[in-house]
Amino acid sequence: MAAKDDETPISKTADFPDITNLTYEQARDELISIVAQLEGGQIGLEDSMTLWQRGEALATHCNTWLDGAEAKLTTGSESKLTEQS
């Protein structure tokens, strides 16, 4: 009987690229893939938890991108309003 430690989980954290290097689109696409895998229910509990943690990190990364874009738009709009006054 083979030891469980010999098995390589498909979702091992070390196999994931660093989130800080991902664009918004890359992070969003990976998050969509993770949600689909979790909804499929075909993976074990340990892998599901690893994917969930990765998904949480990706969601935070996407929100950071969106918050930054919103801040740029807000700052740009405020600058235009000030110039028009």
C-alpha atoms as a PDB file:
ATOM      1  CA  MET A   1       0.000   0.000   0.000  1.00  0.00           C
ATOM      2  CA  ALA A   2       1.501   3.330  -1.081  1.00  0.00           C
ATOM      3  CA  ALA A   3       1.789   6.113   1.447  1.00  0.00           C
ATOM      4  CA  LYS A   4      -0.583   9.013   0.979  1.00  0.00           C
ATOM      5  CA  ASP A   5       2.400  11.406   1.125  1.00  0.00           C
ATOM      6  CA  ASP A   6       3.628   9.937  -2.170  1.00  0.00           C
ATOM      7  CA  GLU A   7       0.567  11.288  -3.982  1.00  0.00           C
ATOM      8  CA  THR A   8       0.887  14.736  -5.533  1.00  0.00           C
ATOM      9  CA  PRO A   9      -2.313  16.718  -5.139  1.00  0.00           C
ATOM     10  CA  ILE A  10      -3.418  18.508  -8.294  1.00  0.00           C
ATOM     11  CA  SER A  11      -3.852  21.785  -6.457  1.00  0.00           C
ATOM     12  CA  LYS A  12      -0.671  21.996  -4.427  1.00  0.00           C
ATOM     13  CA  THR A  13      -0.059  25.647  -3.533  1.00  0.00           C
ATOM     14  CA  ALA A  14       3.522  25.604  -4.820  1.00  0.00           C
ATOM     15  CA  ASP A  15       2.171  24.807  -8.295  1.00  0.00           C
ATOM     16  CA  PHE A  16       0.301  28.110  -8.479  1.00  0.00           C
ATOM     17  CA  PRO A  17       1.921  31.212  -9.961  1.00  0.00           C
ATOM     18  CA  ASP A  18       2.499  34.145  -7.632  1.00  0.00           C
ATOM     19  CA  ILE A  19      -0.715  36.155  -7.517  1.00  0.00           C
ATOM     20  CA  THR A  20       1.088  39.497  -7.444  1.00  0.00           C
ATOM     21  CA  ASN A  21       2.348  38.841 -10.978  1.00  0.00           C
ATOM     22  CA  LEU A  22      -1.124  38.160 -12.412  1.00  0.00           C
ATOM     23  CA  THR A  23      -3.100  40.693 -14.403  1.00  0.00           C
ATOM     24  CA  TYR A  24      -6.724  41.259 -13.488  1.00  0.00           C
ATOM     25  CA  GLU A  25      -7.861  39.107 -16.423  1.00  0.00           C
ATOM     26  CA  GLN A  26      -5.519  36.240 -15.509  1.00  0.00           C
ATOM     27  CA  ALA A  27      -6.661  36.279 -11.887  1.00  0.00           C
ATOM     28  CA  ARG A  28     -10.337  36.469 -12.892  1.00  0.00           C
ATOM     29  CA  ASP A  29      -9.988  33.572 -15.342  1.00  0.00           C
ATOM     30  CA  GLU A  30      -8.215  31.405 -12.760  1.00  0.00           C
ATOM     31  CA  LEU A  31     -10.886  32.275 -10.189  1.00  0.00           C
ATOM     32  CA  ILE A  32     -13.623  31.242 -12.640  1.00  0.00           C
ATOM     33  CA  SER A  33     -11.815  27.932 -13.183  1.00  0.00           C
ATOM     34  CA  ILE A  34     -11.508  27.325  -9.443  1.00  0.00           C
ATOM     35  CA  VAL A  35     -15.195  28.049  -8.865  1.00  0.00           C
ATOM     36  CA  ALA A  36     -16.094  25.562 -11.602  1.00  0.00           C
ATOM     37  CA  GLN A  37     -13.865  22.895 -10.032  1.00  0.00           C
ATOM     38  CA  LEU A  38     -15.347  23.466  -6.587  1.00  0.00           C
ATOM     39  CA  GLU A  39     -18.904  23.433  -7.925  1.00  0.00           C
ATOM     40  CA  GLY A  40     -18.159  20.201  -9.774  1.00  0.00           C
ATOM     41  CA  GLY A  41     -17.578  18.454  -6.466  1.00  0.00           C
ATOM     42  CA  GLN A  42     -15.187  15.933  -7.982  1.00  0.00           C
ATOM     43  CA  ILE A  43     -12.134  16.765  -5.847  1.00  0.00           C
ATOM     44  CA  GLY A  44     -11.261  15.782  -2.317  1.00  0.00           C
ATOM     45  CA  LEU A  45     -11.670  17.887   0.779  1.00  0.00           C
ATOM     46  CA  GLU A  46      -7.977  18.787   1.130  1.00  0.00           C
ATOM     47  CA  ASP A  47      -7.719  19.895  -2.499  1.00  0.00           C
ATOM     48  CA  SER A  48     -11.017  21.763  -2.187  1.00  0.00           C
ATOM     49  CA  MET A  49      -9.713  23.696   0.784  1.00  0.00           C
ATOM     50  CA  THR A  50      -6.493  24.554  -1.049  1.00  0.00           C
ATOM     51  CA  LEU A  51      -8.476  25.740  -4.058  1.00  0.00           C
ATOM     52  CA  TRP A  52     -10.804  27.736  -1.802  1.00  0.00           C
ATOM     53  CA  GLN A  53      -7.825  29.527  -0.238  1.00  0.00           C
ATOM     54  CA  ARG A  54      -6.382  30.246  -3.664  1.00  0.00           C
ATOM     55  CA  GLY A  55      -9.769  31.525  -4.802  1.00  0.00           C
ATOM     56  CA  GLU A  56     -10.002  33.858  -1.810  1.00  0.00           C
ATOM     57  CA  ALA A  57      -6.555  35.260  -2.616  1.00  0.00           C
ATOM     58  CA  LEU A  58      -7.490  35.692  -6.284  1.00  0.00           C
ATOM     59  CA  ALA A  59     -10.745  37.456  -5.355  1.00  0.00           C
ATOM     60  CA  THR A  60      -8.808  39.849  -3.121  1.00  0.00           C
ATOM     61  CA  HIS A  61      -6.325  40.481  -5.932  1.00  0.00           C
ATOM     62  CA  CYS A  62      -9.160  41.218  -8.381  1.00  0.00           C
ATOM     63  CA  ASN A  63     -10.806  43.581  -5.898  1.00  0.00           C
ATOM     64  CA  THR A  64      -7.507  45.423  -5.474  1.00  0.00           C
ATOM     65  CA  TRP A  65      -7.294  45.883  -9.259  1.00  0.00           C
ATOM     66  CA  LEU A  66     -10.892  47.100  -9.436  1.00  0.00           C
ATOM     67  CA  ASP A  67     -10.438  49.476  -6.482  1.00  0.00           C
ATOM     68  CA  GLY A  68      -7.367  50.935  -8.181  1.00  0.00           C
ATOM     69  CA  ALA A  69      -9.237  51.418 -11.450  1.00  0.00           C
ATOM     70  CA  GLU A  70     -12.139  53.067  -9.627  1.00  0.00           C
ATOM     71  CA  ALA A  71      -9.734  55.392  -7.806  1.00  0.00           C
ATOM     72  CA  LYS A  72      -8.139  56.424 -11.116  1.00  0.00           C
ATOM     73  CA  LEU A  73     -11.549  57.108 -12.639  1.00  0.00           C
ATOM     74  CA  THR A  74     -12.679  59.074  -9.603  1.00  0.00           C
ATOM     75  CA  THR A  75      -9.471  61.108  -9.528  1.00  0.00           C
ATOM     76  CA  GLY A  76      -9.735  61.748 -13.262  1.00  0.00           C
ATOM     77  CA  SER A  77     -13.353  62.868 -12.951  1.00  0.00           C
ATOM     78  CA  GLU A  78     -12.550  65.179 -10.048  1.00  0.00           C
ATOM     79  CA  SER A  79      -9.661  66.727 -12.011  1.00  0.00           C
ATOM     80  CA  LYS A  80     -11.923  67.422 -14.985  1.00  0.00           C
ATOM     81  CA  LEU A  81     -14.564  68.997 -12.753  1.00  0.00           C
ATOM     82  CA  THR A  82     -11.946  71.233 -11.131  1.00  0.00           C
ATOM     83  CA  GLU A  83     -10.619  72.308 -14.551  1.00  0.00           C
ATOM     84  CA  GLN A  84     -14.143  73.173 -15.748  1.00  0.00           C
ATOM     85  CA  SER A  85     -14.880  75.372 -12.702  1.00  0.00           C
END
